[in-house]
Amino acid sequence: MRLPSEVLSRLQLADGDRVILTESPEGGYRLTPYDPDFEQQMAAAEDGMRRYRNTLKALAE
């Protein structure tokens, strides 16, 4: 994907850097620099949500 140089500068990115695209609660999208620690945390959260899906559903009621 090609981004304008202003966007690269604002996100402190260089050519070839990885980014993460996430959907925001407002319905738009958010582009952030790749963070391996964040990726690990999200994987752990998704695993927990998958494992305890029924419990989380019951708590939400």
Protein backbone atom coordinates (compact mmCIF):
# COMPACT_ATOMS: atom_id res chain seq x y z
CA MET A 1 0.00 0.00 0.00
CA ARG A 2 1.30 3.45 -0.76
CA LEU A 3 0.83 6.26 1.74
CA PRO A 4 1.60 9.96 1.34
CA SER A 5 4.88 11.11 2.87
CA GLU A 6 2.92 13.29 5.34
CA VAL A 7 1.17 10.19 6.71
CA LEU A 8 4.46 8.27 6.97
CA SER A 9 5.99 11.18 8.86
CA ARG A 10 3.05 11.56 11.23
CA LEU A 11 3.02 7.82 12.04
CA GLN A 12 6.83 7.78 12.21
CA LEU A 13 7.01 5.09 9.54
CA ALA A 14 9.58 4.36 6.86
CA ASP A 15 9.34 2.48 3.57
CA GLY A 16 8.67 -1.18 4.23
CA ASP A 17 7.44 -0.78 7.83
CA ARG A 18 4.47 -2.91 8.85
CA VAL A 19 1.19 -1.36 9.99
CA ILE A 20 -2.01 -2.62 11.60
CA LEU A 21 -5.46 -1.72 10.28
CA THR A 22 -8.23 -1.95 12.85
CA GLU A 23 -11.90 -1.06 12.71
CA SER A 24 -12.88 1.70 15.11
CA PRO A 25 -16.11 1.69 17.16
CA GLU A 26 -17.27 4.76 15.21
CA GLY A 27 -17.31 2.69 12.02
CA GLY A 28 -14.11 3.98 10.45
CA TYR A 29 -10.66 2.45 10.31
CA ARG A 30 -7.48 3.16 12.22
CA LEU A 31 -3.95 2.69 10.88
CA THR A 32 -1.20 2.27 13.48
CA PRO A 33 2.43 1.19 13.40
CA TYR A 34 2.98 -2.55 13.89
CA ASP A 35 3.81 -3.50 17.48
CA PRO A 36 4.79 -7.14 18.12
CA ASP A 37 3.90 -6.84 21.83
CA PHE A 38 0.40 -5.64 20.92
CA GLU A 39 0.01 -8.55 18.49
CA GLN A 40 0.85 -11.01 21.28
CA GLN A 41 -1.61 -9.33 23.65
CA MET A 42 -4.38 -9.45 21.05
CA ALA A 43 -3.70 -13.13 20.35
CA ALA A 44 -3.97 -13.89 24.08
CA ALA A 45 -7.20 -11.86 24.36
CA GLU A 46 -8.74 -13.61 21.34
CA ASP A 47 -7.77 -17.00 22.77
CA GLY A 48 -9.40 -16.12 26.11
CA MET A 49 -12.56 -14.85 24.42
CA ARG A 50 -12.78 -18.02 22.35
CA ARG A 51 -12.17 -20.28 25.34
CA TYR A 52 -14.59 -18.49 27.68
CA ARG A 53 -17.20 -17.48 25.10
CA ASN A 54 -20.12 -18.96 27.06
CA THR A 55 -18.98 -17.39 30.33
CA LEU A 56 -18.57 -13.97 28.72
CA LYS A 57 -22.00 -14.30 27.12
CA ALA A 58 -23.59 -15.12 30.50
CA LEU A 59 -21.84 -12.18 32.15
CA ALA A 60 -23.11 -9.82 29.45
CA GLU A 61 -26.76 -10.65 30.22
